[in-house]
Amino acid sequence: MMTTKRKSIATVLAVLLVAGTDGLSGLSRAEAGPQEKPEPLAKVRASDDVKHSLSTEAFPKLHALIRPKPGGFDEIPWLTSLWQARKKAAAEGKPILLWVGDGHPLGWT
């Protein structure tokens, strides 16, 4: 019984060793082959519409669109207990936003 197990383990290890060395030799052959040069990116010209929307005259309007509005994440009454949030959401018939991350939601650390 012990001899059969040893032979099986030795066979599996030999197969893994051969497969590993074959994979490594394939990598070295791939690295040694001729390197293909990437094709240069096609140059695309922006239309007049796009050029106008990115001009210095249009910047204040775009800036106002992307600027954070009052009443953001820091004014939301966050609940730190999942159980309390579940009870409140069930009572109000609303979904739960579960924020999982490392640190403050706005990146304040």
PDB file of N, CA and C in Angstrom:
ATOM      1  N   MET A   1       0.827  -1.190   0.000  1.00  0.00           N
ATOM      2  CA  MET A   1       0.000   0.000   0.000  1.00  0.00           C
ATOM      3  C   MET A   1       0.873   1.256   0.000  1.00  0.00           C
ATOM      4  N   MET A   2       1.877   1.282   0.878  1.00  0.00           N
ATOM      5  CA  MET A   2       2.765   2.430   0.971  1.00  0.00           C
ATOM      6  C   MET A   2       3.560   2.609  -0.312  1.00  0.00           C
ATOM      7  N   THR A   3       3.986   1.529  -0.911  1.00  0.00           N
ATOM      8  CA  THR A   3       4.769   1.596  -2.140  1.00  0.00           C
ATOM      9  C   THR A   3       3.932   2.167  -3.276  1.00  0.00           C
ATOM     10  N   THR A   4       2.669   1.799  -3.351  1.00  0.00           N
ATOM     11  CA  THR A   4       1.780   2.293  -4.403  1.00  0.00           C
ATOM     12  C   THR A   4       1.586   3.801  -4.257  1.00  0.00           C
ATOM     13  N   LYS A   5       1.404   4.269  -3.024  1.00  0.00           N
ATOM     14  CA  LYS A   5       1.239   5.701  -2.790  1.00  0.00           C
ATOM     15  C   LYS A   5       2.496   6.462  -3.178  1.00  0.00           C
ATOM     16  N   ARG A   6       3.648   5.914  -2.827  1.00  0.00           N
ATOM     17  CA  ARG A   6       4.911   6.572  -3.150  1.00  0.00           C
ATOM     18  C   ARG A   6       5.111   6.660  -4.663  1.00  0.00           C
ATOM     19  N   LYS A   7       4.770   5.572  -5.346  1.00  0.00           N
ATOM     20  CA  LYS A   7       4.912   5.578  -6.801  1.00  0.00           C
ATOM     21  C   LYS A   7       3.960   6.592  -7.428  1.00  0.00           C
ATOM     22  N   SER A   8       2.749   6.681  -6.898  1.00  0.00           N
ATOM     23  CA  SER A   8       1.775   7.638  -7.434  1.00  0.00           C
ATOM     24  C   SER A   8       2.246   9.068  -7.218  1.00  0.00           C
ATOM     25  N   ILE A   9       2.749   9.347  -6.041  1.00  0.00           N
ATOM     26  CA  ILE A   9       3.235  10.687  -5.733  1.00  0.00           C
ATOM     27  C   ILE A   9       4.436  11.026  -6.611  1.00  0.00           C
ATOM     28  N   ALA A  10       5.345  10.059  -6.775  1.00  0.00           N
ATOM     29  CA  ALA A  10       6.523  10.291  -7.610  1.00  0.00           C
ATOM     30  C   ALA A  10       6.117  10.549  -9.061  1.00  0.00           C
ATOM     31  N   THR A  11       5.113   9.829  -9.554  1.00  0.00           N
ATOM     32  CA  THR A  11       4.649  10.018 -10.926  1.00  0.00           C
ATOM     33  C   THR A  11       4.045  11.401 -11.111  1.00  0.00           C
ATOM     34  N   VAL A  12       3.212  11.814 -10.159  1.00  0.00           N
ATOM     35  CA  VAL A  12       2.587  13.130 -10.246  1.00  0.00           C
ATOM     36  C   VAL A  12       3.650  14.229 -10.210  1.00  0.00           C
ATOM     37  N   LEU A  13       4.620  14.113  -9.317  1.00  0.00           N
ATOM     38  CA  LEU A  13       5.681  15.107  -9.236  1.00  0.00           C
ATOM     39  C   LEU A  13       6.509  15.149 -10.515  1.00  0.00           C
ATOM     40  N   ALA A  14       6.784  13.998 -11.106  1.00  0.00           N
ATOM     41  CA  ALA A  14       7.552  13.962 -12.349  1.00  0.00           C
ATOM     42  C   ALA A  14       6.783  14.650 -13.479  1.00  0.00           C
ATOM     43  N   VAL A  15       5.480  14.401 -13.551  1.00  0.00           N
ATOM     44  CA  VAL A  15       4.663  15.033 -14.593  1.00  0.00           C
ATOM     45  C   VAL A  15       4.647  16.543 -14.404  1.00  0.00           C
ATOM     46  N   LEU A  16       4.484  16.991 -13.165  1.00  0.00           N
ATOM     47  CA  LEU A  16       4.478  18.424 -12.897  1.00  0.00           C
ATOM     48  C   LEU A  16       5.828  19.063 -13.216  1.00  0.00           C
ATOM     49  N   LEU A  17       6.901  18.357 -12.920  1.00  0.00           N
ATOM     50  CA  LEU A  17       8.231  18.872 -13.202  1.00  0.00           C
ATOM     51  C   LEU A  17       8.448  19.010 -14.708  1.00  0.00           C
ATOM     52  N   VAL A  18       8.054  17.998 -15.472  1.00  0.00           N
ATOM     53  CA  VAL A  18       8.208  18.043 -16.927  1.00  0.00           C
ATOM     54  C   VAL A  18       7.340  19.157 -17.511  1.00  0.00           C
ATOM     55  N   ALA A  19       6.103  19.272 -17.029  1.00  0.00           N
ATOM     56  CA  ALA A  19       5.205  20.307 -17.545  1.00  0.00           C
ATOM     57  C   ALA A  19       5.748  21.691 -17.214  1.00  0.00           C
ATOM     58  N   GLY A  20       6.307  21.856 -16.033  1.00  0.00           N
ATOM     59  CA  GLY A  20       6.852  23.154 -15.639  1.00  0.00           C
ATOM     60  C   GLY A  20       8.067  23.539 -16.458  1.00  0.00           C
ATOM     61  N   THR A  21       8.986  22.605 -16.694  1.00  0.00           N
ATOM     62  CA  THR A  21      10.170  22.930 -17.479  1.00  0.00           C
ATOM     63  C   THR A  21       9.812  23.160 -18.939  1.00  0.00           C
ATOM     64  N   ASP A  22       8.813  22.443 -19.451  1.00  0.00           N
ATOM     65  CA  ASP A  22       8.383  22.658 -20.829  1.00  0.00           C
ATOM     66  C   ASP A  22       7.759  24.041 -20.975  1.00  0.00           C
ATOM     67  N   GLY A  23       6.987  24.447 -19.980  1.00  0.00           N
ATOM     68  CA  GLY A  23       6.391  25.782 -20.027  1.00  0.00           C
ATOM     69  C   GLY A  23       7.445  26.873 -19.960  1.00  0.00           C
ATOM     70  N   LEU A  24       8.468  26.678 -19.138  1.00  0.00           N
ATOM     71  CA  LEU A  24       9.531  27.668 -19.035  1.00  0.00           C
ATOM     72  C   LEU A  24      10.347  27.743 -20.321  1.00  0.00           C
ATOM     73  N   SER A  25      10.612  26.607 -20.940  1.00  0.00           N
ATOM     74  CA  SER A  25      11.372  26.641 -22.190  1.00  0.00           C
ATOM     75  C   SER A  25      10.554  27.295 -23.290  1.00  0.00           C
ATOM     76  N   GLY A  26       9.234  27.127 -23.242  1.00  0.00           N
ATOM     77  CA  GLY A  26       8.378  27.783 -24.227  1.00  0.00           C
ATOM     78  C   GLY A  26       8.404  29.290 -24.048  1.00  0.00           C
ATOM     79  N   LEU A  27       8.478  29.739 -22.806  1.00  0.00           N
ATOM     80  CA  LEU A  27       8.561  31.176 -22.551  1.00  0.00           C
ATOM     81  C   LEU A  27       9.868  31.745 -23.070  1.00  0.00           C
ATOM     82  N   SER A  28      10.967  31.038 -22.845  1.00  0.00           N
ATOM     83  CA  SER A  28      12.252  31.560 -23.301  1.00  0.00           C
ATOM     84  C   SER A  28      12.317  31.585 -24.825  1.00  0.00           C
ATOM     85  N   ARG A  29      11.689  30.599 -25.485  1.00  0.00           N
ATOM     86  CA  ARG A  29      11.649  30.615 -26.946  1.00  0.00           C
ATOM     87  C   ARG A  29      10.812  31.773 -27.450  1.00  0.00           C
ATOM     88  N   ALA A  30       9.732  32.070 -26.763  1.00  0.00           N
ATOM     89  CA  ALA A  30       8.867  33.172 -27.185  1.00  0.00           C
ATOM     90  C   ALA A  30       9.577  34.509 -27.016  1.00  0.00           C
ATOM     91  N   GLU A  31      10.367  34.628 -25.955  1.00  0.00           N
ATOM     92  CA  GLU A  31      11.091  35.868 -25.724  1.00  0.00           C
ATOM     93  C   GLU A  31      12.230  36.040 -26.722  1.00  0.00           C
ATOM     94  N   ALA A  32      12.815  34.946 -27.173  1.00  0.00           N
ATOM     95  CA  ALA A  32      13.953  35.022 -28.072  1.00  0.00           C
ATOM     96  C   ALA A  32      13.533  35.336 -29.504  1.00  0.00           C
ATOM     97  N   GLY A  33      12.263  35.145 -29.835  1.00  0.00           N
ATOM     98  CA  GLY A  33      11.783  35.372 -31.195  1.00  0.00           C
ATOM     99  C   GLY A  33      11.818  36.844 -31.557  1.00  0.00           C
ATOM    100  N   PRO A  34      11.653  37.119 -32.863  1.00  0.00           N
ATOM    101  CA  PRO A  34      11.687  38.523 -33.299  1.00  0.00           C
ATOM    102  C   PRO A  34      10.510  39.303 -32.721  1.00  0.00           C
ATOM    103  N   GLN A  35      10.819  40.492 -32.262  1.00  0.00           N
ATOM    104  CA  GLN A  35       9.791  41.338 -31.678  1.00  0.00           C
ATOM    105  C   GLN A  35       9.084  42.098 -32.791  1.00  0.00           C
ATOM    106  N   GLU A  36       7.765  42.057 -32.784  1.00  0.00           N
ATOM    107  CA  GLU A  36       7.005  42.801 -33.768  1.00  0.00           C
ATOM    108  C   GLU A  36       6.853  44.238 -33.290  1.00  0.00           C
ATOM    109  N   LYS A  37       7.031  45.162 -34.203  1.00  0.00           N
ATOM    110  CA  LYS A  37       6.866  46.565 -33.850  1.00  0.00           C
ATOM    111  C   LYS A  37       5.384  46.896 -33.870  1.00  0.00           C
ATOM    112  N   PRO A  38       4.891  47.573 -32.842  1.00  0.00           N
ATOM    113  CA  PRO A  38       3.478  47.938 -32.844  1.00  0.00           C
ATOM    114  C   PRO A  38       3.203  48.973 -33.933  1.00  0.00           C
ATOM    115  N   GLU A  39       2.029  48.856 -34.509  1.00  0.00           N
ATOM    116  CA  GLU A  39       1.649  49.797 -35.551  1.00  0.00           C
ATOM    117  C   GLU A  39       1.416  51.172 -34.919  1.00  0.00           C
ATOM    118  N   PRO A  40       1.836  52.224 -35.608  1.00  0.00           N
ATOM    119  CA  PRO A  40       1.595  53.559 -35.051  1.00  0.00           C
ATOM    120  C   PRO A  40       0.100  53.851 -35.016  1.00  0.00           C
ATOM    121  N   LEU A  41      -0.300  54.590 -33.992  1.00  0.00           N
ATOM    122  CA  LEU A  41      -1.704  54.941 -33.854  1.00  0.00           C
ATOM    123  C   LEU A  41      -2.114  55.915 -34.940  1.00  0.00           C
ATOM    124  N   ALA A  42      -3.309  55.733 -35.430  1.00  0.00           N
ATOM    125  CA  ALA A  42      -3.818  56.626 -36.466  1.00  0.00           C
ATOM    126  C   ALA A  42      -4.098  57.992 -35.853  1.00  0.00           C
ATOM    127  N   LYS A  43      -3.738  59.024 -36.547  1.00  0.00           N
ATOM    128  CA  LYS A  43      -3.995  60.376 -36.058  1.00  0.00           C
ATOM    129  C   LYS A  43      -5.401  60.775 -36.486  1.00  0.00           C
ATOM    130  N   VAL A  44      -6.168  61.181 -35.497  1.00  0.00           N
ATOM    131  CA  VAL A  44      -7.549  61.580 -35.755  1.00  0.00           C
ATOM    132  C   VAL A  44      -7.657  63.079 -35.533  1.00  0.00           C
ATOM    133  N   ARG A  45      -8.238  63.747 -36.476  1.00  0.00           N
ATOM    134  CA  ARG A  45      -8.421  65.194 -36.340  1.00  0.00           C
ATOM    135  C   ARG A  45      -9.781  65.458 -35.703  1.00  0.00           C
ATOM    136  N   ALA A  46      -9.794  66.371 -34.767  1.00  0.00           N
ATOM    137  CA  ALA A  46     -11.036  66.722 -34.084  1.00  0.00           C
ATOM    138  C   ALA A  46     -11.874  67.614 -34.989  1.00  0.00           C
ATOM    139  N   SER A  47     -13.157  67.399 -34.938  1.00  0.00           N
ATOM    140  CA  SER A  47     -14.045  68.244 -35.737  1.00  0.00           C
ATOM    141  C   SER A  47     -14.136  69.624 -35.105  1.00  0.00           C
ATOM    142  N   ASP A  48     -14.682  70.570 -35.835  1.00  0.00           N
ATOM    143  CA  ASP A  48     -14.805  71.941 -35.327  1.00  0.00           C
ATOM    144  C   ASP A  48     -15.693  71.991 -34.092  1.00  0.00           C
ATOM    145  N   ASP A  49     -16.701  71.104 -34.038  1.00  0.00           N
ATOM    146  CA  ASP A  49     -17.606  71.063 -32.892  1.00  0.00           C
ATOM    147  C   ASP A  49     -16.847  70.698 -31.617  1.00  0.00           C
ATOM    148  N   VAL A  50     -15.979  69.701 -31.731  1.00  0.00           N
ATOM    149  CA  VAL A  50     -15.193  69.266 -30.571  1.00  0.00           C
ATOM    150  C   VAL A  50     -14.182  70.341 -30.194  1.00  0.00           C
ATOM    151  N   LYS A  51     -13.560  70.945 -31.187  1.00  0.00           N
ATOM    152  CA  LYS A  51     -12.582  71.994 -30.896  1.00  0.00           C
ATOM    153  C   LYS A  51     -13.227  73.155 -30.143  1.00  0.00           C
ATOM    154  N   HIS A  52     -14.448  73.522 -30.537  1.00  0.00           N
ATOM    155  CA  HIS A  52     -15.136  74.626 -29.864  1.00  0.00           C
ATOM    156  C   HIS A  52     -15.504  74.256 -28.426  1.00  0.00           C
ATOM    157  N   SER A  53     -15.917  72.991 -28.210  1.00  0.00           N
ATOM    158  CA  SER A  53     -16.340  72.597 -26.865  1.00  0.00           C
ATOM    159  C   SER A  53     -15.166  72.516 -25.901  1.00  0.00           C
ATOM    160  N   LEU A  54     -13.947  72.425 -26.423  1.00  0.00           N
ATOM    161  CA  LEU A  54     -12.765  72.362 -25.563  1.00  0.00           C
ATOM    162  C   LEU A  54     -11.980  73.673 -25.554  1.00  0.00           C
ATOM    163  N   SER A  55     -12.573  74.745 -26.001  1.00  0.00           N
ATOM    164  CA  SER A  55     -11.871  76.024 -26.063  1.00  0.00           C
ATOM    165  C   SER A  55     -11.868  76.704 -24.695  1.00  0.00           C
ATOM    166  N   THR A  56     -11.060  77.750 -24.585  1.00  0.00           N
ATOM    167  CA  THR A  56     -10.980  78.484 -23.319  1.00  0.00           C
ATOM    168  C   THR A  56     -12.267  79.252 -23.028  1.00  0.00           C
ATOM    169  N   GLU A  57     -13.019  79.584 -24.069  1.00  0.00           N
ATOM    170  CA  GLU A  57     -14.292  80.275 -23.850  1.00  0.00           C
ATOM    171  C   GLU A  57     -15.333  79.327 -23.248  1.00  0.00           C
ATOM    172  N   ALA A  58     -15.256  78.047 -23.592  1.00  0.00           N
ATOM    173  CA  ALA A  58     -16.244  77.081 -23.112  1.00  0.00           C
ATOM    174  C   ALA A  58     -15.867  76.484 -21.756  1.00  0.00           C
ATOM    175  N   PHE A  59     -14.641  76.757 -21.284  1.00  0.00           N
ATOM    176  CA  PHE A  59     -14.197  76.148 -20.033  1.00  0.00           C
ATOM    177  C   PHE A  59     -15.072  76.473 -18.829  1.00  0.00           C
ATOM    178  N   PRO A  60     -15.463  77.725 -18.588  1.00  0.00           N
ATOM    179  CA  PRO A  60     -16.283  78.004 -17.399  1.00  0.00           C
ATOM    180  C   PRO A  60     -17.597  77.208 -17.392  1.00  0.00           C
ATOM    181  N   LYS A  61     -18.207  77.029 -18.552  1.00  0.00           N
ATOM    182  CA  LYS A  61     -19.458  76.270 -18.617  1.00  0.00           C
ATOM    183  C   LYS A  61     -19.213  74.790 -18.290  1.00  0.00           C
ATOM    184  N   LEU A  62     -18.137  74.213 -18.861  1.00  0.00           N
ATOM    185  CA  LEU A  62     -17.811  72.815 -18.564  1.00  0.00           C
ATOM    186  C   LEU A  62     -17.416  72.636 -17.099  1.00  0.00           C
ATOM    187  N   HIS A  63     -16.683  73.595 -16.569  1.00  0.00           N
ATOM    188  CA  HIS A  63     -16.260  73.512 -15.174  1.00  0.00           C
ATOM    189  C   HIS A  63     -17.459  73.537 -14.236  1.00  0.00           C
ATOM    190  N   ALA A  64     -18.454  74.360 -14.558  1.00  0.00           N
ATOM    191  CA  ALA A  64     -19.662  74.422 -13.731  1.00  0.00           C
ATOM    192  C   ALA A  64     -20.439  73.108 -13.791  1.00  0.00           C
ATOM    193  N   LEU A  65     -20.382  72.413 -14.936  1.00  0.00           N
ATOM    194  CA  LEU A  65     -21.095  71.141 -15.062  1.00  0.00           C
ATOM    195  C   LEU A  65     -20.479  70.034 -14.213  1.00  0.00           C
ATOM    196  N   ILE A  66     -19.139  70.014 -14.132  1.00  0.00           N
ATOM    197  CA  ILE A  66     -18.488  68.904 -13.428  1.00  0.00           C
ATOM    198  C   ILE A  66     -18.139  69.228 -11.978  1.00  0.00           C
ATOM    199  N   ARG A  67     -18.309  70.469 -11.581  1.00  0.00           N
ATOM    200  CA  ARG A  67     -17.988  70.860 -10.209  1.00  0.00           C
ATOM    201  C   ARG A  67     -18.980  70.219  -9.240  1.00  0.00           C
ATOM    202  N   PRO A  68     -18.490  69.687  -8.100  1.00  0.00           N
ATOM    203  CA  PRO A  68     -19.409  69.075  -7.131  1.00  0.00           C
ATOM    204  C   PRO A  68     -20.423  70.092  -6.612  1.00  0.00           C
ATOM    205  N   LYS A  69     -21.653  69.658  -6.516  1.00  0.00           N
ATOM    206  CA  LYS A  69     -22.743  70.505  -6.024  1.00  0.00           C
ATOM    207  C   LYS A  69     -22.861  70.345  -4.511  1.00  0.00           C
ATOM    208  N   PRO A  70     -23.429  71.327  -3.817  1.00  0.00           N
ATOM    209  CA  PRO A  70     -23.660  71.167  -2.379  1.00  0.00           C
ATOM    210  C   PRO A  70     -24.627  70.007  -2.135  1.00  0.00           C
ATOM    211  N   GLY A  71     -24.472  69.360  -1.013  1.00  0.00           N
ATOM    212  CA  GLY A  71     -25.344  68.236  -0.687  1.00  0.00           C
ATOM    213  C   GLY A  71     -24.788  66.920  -1.178  1.00  0.00           C
ATOM    214  N   GLY A  72     -23.493  66.736  -1.015  1.00  0.00           N
ATOM    215  CA  GLY A  72     -22.842  65.517  -1.490  1.00  0.00           C
ATOM    216  C   GLY A  72     -22.823  64.428  -0.429  1.00  0.00           C
ATOM    217  N   PHE A  73     -21.811  63.571  -0.535  1.00  0.00           N
ATOM    218  CA  PHE A  73     -21.695  62.427   0.356  1.00  0.00           C
ATOM    219  C   PHE A  73     -21.569  62.811   1.822  1.00  0.00           C
ATOM    220  N   ASP A  74     -20.935  63.953   2.088  1.00  0.00           N
ATOM    221  CA  ASP A  74     -20.711  64.319   3.484  1.00  0.00           C
ATOM    222  C   ASP A  74     -21.975  64.793   4.190  1.00  0.00           C
ATOM    223  N   GLU A  75     -23.053  65.048   3.448  1.00  0.00           N
ATOM    224  CA  GLU A  75     -24.306  65.471   4.081  1.00  0.00           C
ATOM    225  C   GLU A  75     -25.309  64.328   4.210  1.00  0.00           C
ATOM    226  N   ILE A  76     -24.973  63.152   3.734  1.00  0.00           N
ATOM    227  CA  ILE A  76     -25.872  61.989   3.841  1.00  0.00           C
ATOM    228  C   ILE A  76     -25.751  61.423   5.248  1.00  0.00           C
ATOM    229  N   PRO A  77     -26.878  61.145   5.907  1.00  0.00           N
ATOM    230  CA  PRO A  77     -26.789  60.549   7.250  1.00  0.00           C
ATOM    231  C   PRO A  77     -26.444  59.061   7.158  1.00  0.00           C
ATOM    232  N   TRP A  78     -25.150  58.767   7.020  1.00  0.00           N
ATOM    233  CA  TRP A  78     -24.705  57.389   6.871  1.00  0.00           C
ATOM    234  C   TRP A  78     -24.994  56.586   8.139  1.00  0.00           C
ATOM    235  N   LEU A  79     -25.376  55.341   7.970  1.00  0.00           N
ATOM    236  CA  LEU A  79     -25.547  54.417   9.086  1.00  0.00           C
ATOM    237  C   LEU A  79     -24.362  53.468   9.092  1.00  0.00           C
ATOM    238  N   THR A  80     -23.769  53.289  10.242  1.00  0.00           N
ATOM    239  CA  THR A  80     -22.596  52.424  10.324  1.00  0.00           C
ATOM    240  C   THR A  80     -22.953  50.992  10.698  1.00  0.00           C
ATOM    241  N   SER A  81     -24.201  50.745  11.027  1.00  0.00           N
ATOM    242  CA  SER A  81     -24.645  49.397  11.381  1.00  0.00           C
ATOM    243  C   SER A  81     -25.486  48.841  10.240  1.00  0.00           C
ATOM    244  N   LEU A  82     -25.057  47.729   9.689  1.00  0.00           N
ATOM    245  CA  LEU A  82     -25.802  47.107   8.596  1.00  0.00           C
ATOM    246  C   LEU A  82     -27.194  46.681   9.070  1.00  0.00           C
ATOM    247  N   TRP A  83     -27.298  46.227  10.305  1.00  0.00           N
ATOM    248  CA  TRP A  83     -28.591  45.791  10.831  1.00  0.00           C
ATOM    249  C   TRP A  83     -29.561  46.971  10.926  1.00  0.00           C
ATOM    250  N   GLN A  84     -29.102  48.099  11.436  1.00  0.00           N
ATOM    251  CA  GLN A  84     -29.965  49.283  11.523  1.00  0.00           C
ATOM    252  C   GLN A  84     -30.356  49.774  10.126  1.00  0.00           C
ATOM    253  N   ALA A  85     -29.412  49.734   9.188  1.00  0.00           N
ATOM    254  CA  ALA A  85     -29.708  50.156   7.821  1.00  0.00           C
ATOM    255  C   ALA A  85     -30.741  49.235   7.180  1.00  0.00           C
ATOM    256  N   ARG A  86     -30.644  47.936   7.443  1.00  0.00           N
ATOM    257  CA  ARG A  86     -31.597  46.985   6.887  1.00  0.00           C
ATOM    258  C   ARG A  86     -32.996  47.228   7.435  1.00  0.00           C
ATOM    259  N   LYS A  87     -33.079  47.485   8.735  1.00  0.00           N
ATOM    260  CA  LYS A  87     -34.387  47.754   9.342  1.00  0.00           C
ATOM    261  C   LYS A  87     -34.986  49.042   8.786  1.00  0.00           C
ATOM    262  N   LYS A  88     -34.180  50.093   8.663  1.00  0.00           N
ATOM    263  CA  LYS A  88     -34.677  51.370   8.157  1.00  0.00           C
ATOM    264  C   LYS A  88     -35.102  51.244   6.688  1.00  0.00           C
ATOM    265  N   ALA A  89     -34.315  50.535   5.885  1.00  0.00           N
ATOM    266  CA  ALA A  89     -34.647  50.362   4.469  1.00  0.00           C
ATOM    267  C   ALA A  89     -35.924  49.550   4.311  1.00  0.00           C
ATOM    268  N   ALA A  90     -36.112  48.529   5.147  1.00  0.00           N
ATOM    269  CA  ALA A  90     -37.336  47.731   5.068  1.00  0.00           C
ATOM    270  C   ALA A  90     -38.545  48.556   5.476  1.00  0.00           C
ATOM    271  N   ALA A  91     -38.390  49.408   6.491  1.00  0.00           N
ATOM    272  CA  ALA A  91     -39.505  50.226   6.943  1.00  0.00           C
ATOM    273  C   ALA A  91     -39.895  51.282   5.907  1.00  0.00           C
ATOM    274  N   GLU A  92     -38.898  51.821   5.178  1.00  0.00           N
ATOM    275  CA  GLU A  92     -39.172  52.860   4.195  1.00  0.00           C
ATOM    276  C   GLU A  92     -39.366  52.304   2.788  1.00  0.00           C
ATOM    277  N   GLY A  93     -39.127  51.001   2.606  1.00  0.00           N
ATOM    278  CA  GLY A  93     -39.268  50.399   1.283  1.00  0.00           C
ATOM    279  C   GLY A  93     -38.215  50.878   0.306  1.00  0.00           C
ATOM    280  N   LYS A  94     -36.998  51.086   0.798  1.00  0.00           N
ATOM    281  CA  LYS A  94     -35.908  51.597  -0.035  1.00  0.00           C
ATOM    282  C   LYS A  94     -34.761  50.584  -0.065  1.00  0.00           C
ATOM    283  N   PRO A  95     -33.909  50.657  -1.104  1.00  0.00           N
ATOM    284  CA  PRO A  95     -32.750  49.760  -1.142  1.00  0.00           C
ATOM    285  C   PRO A  95     -31.628  50.262  -0.242  1.00  0.00           C
ATOM    286  N   ILE A  96     -30.632  49.431  -0.053  1.00  0.00           N
ATOM    287  CA  ILE A  96     -29.466  49.775   0.768  1.00  0.00           C
ATOM    288  C   ILE A  96     -28.264  49.954  -0.157  1.00  0.00           C
ATOM    289  N   LEU A  97     -27.521  51.031   0.052  1.00  0.00           N
ATOM    290  CA  LEU A  97     -26.236  51.198  -0.613  1.00  0.00           C
ATOM    291  C   LEU A  97     -25.184  50.779   0.392  1.00  0.00           C
ATOM    292  N   LEU A  98     -24.523  49.686   0.106  1.00  0.00           N
ATOM    293  CA  LEU A  98     -23.493  49.166   1.004  1.00  0.00           C
ATOM    294  C   LEU A  98     -22.148  49.570   0.439  1.00  0.00           C
ATOM    295  N   TRP A  99     -21.477  50.496   1.112  1.00  0.00           N
ATOM    296  CA  TRP A  99     -20.184  50.986   0.661  1.00  0.00           C
ATOM    297  C   TRP A  99     -19.105  50.190   1.376  1.00  0.00           C
ATOM    298  N   VAL A 100     -18.337  49.449   0.609  1.00  0.00           N
ATOM    299  CA  VAL A 100     -17.262  48.646   1.175  1.00  0.00           C
ATOM    300  C   VAL A 100     -15.961  49.150   0.583  1.00  0.00           C
ATOM    301  N   GLY A 101     -15.072  49.559   1.426  1.00  0.00           N
ATOM    302  CA  GLY A 101     -13.800  50.058   0.924  1.00  0.00           C
ATOM    303  C   GLY A 101     -12.835  50.287   2.058  1.00  0.00           C
ATOM    304  N   ASP A 102     -11.715  50.847   1.703  1.00  0.00           N
ATOM    305  CA  ASP A 102     -10.681  51.109   2.689  1.00  0.00           C
ATOM    306  C   ASP A 102     -10.583  52.622   2.877  1.00  0.00           C
ATOM    307  N   GLY A 103     -11.125  53.125   3.941  1.00  0.00           N
ATOM    308  CA  GLY A 103     -11.045  54.540   4.207  1.00  0.00           C
ATOM    309  C   GLY A 103     -12.372  55.242   3.998  1.00  0.00           C
ATOM    310  N   HIS A 104     -12.327  56.538   3.989  1.00  0.00           N
ATOM    311  CA  HIS A 104     -13.497  57.377   3.833  1.00  0.00           C
ATOM    312  C   HIS A 104     -14.018  57.322   2.397  1.00  0.00           C
ATOM    313  N   PRO A 105     -15.350  57.374   2.183  1.00  0.00           N
ATOM    314  CA  PRO A 105     -15.866  57.313   0.820  1.00  0.00           C
ATOM    315  C   PRO A 105     -15.347  58.407  -0.108  1.00  0.00           C
ATOM    316  N   LEU A 106     -14.957  59.558   0.438  1.00  0.00           N
ATOM    317  CA  LEU A 106     -14.455  60.645  -0.395  1.00  0.00           C
ATOM    318  C   LEU A 106     -12.927  60.643  -0.483  1.00  0.00           C
ATOM    319  N   GLY A 107     -12.306  59.628   0.082  1.00  0.00           N
ATOM    320  CA  GLY A 107     -10.858  59.539   0.007  1.00  0.00           C
ATOM    321  C   GLY A 107     -10.128  60.289   1.099  1.00  0.00           C
ATOM    322  N   TRP A 108     -10.863  60.783   2.076  1.00  0.00           N
ATOM    323  CA  TRP A 108     -10.218  61.482   3.192  1.00  0.00           C
ATOM    324  C   TRP A 108      -9.629  60.451   4.133  1.00  0.00           C
ATOM    325  N   THR A 109      -8.354  60.496   4.344  1.00  0.00           N
ATOM    326  CA  THR A 109      -7.719  59.534   5.249  1.00  0.00           C
ATOM    327  C   THR A 109      -6.984  60.238   6.364  1.00  0.00           C
TER     328      THR A 109
END
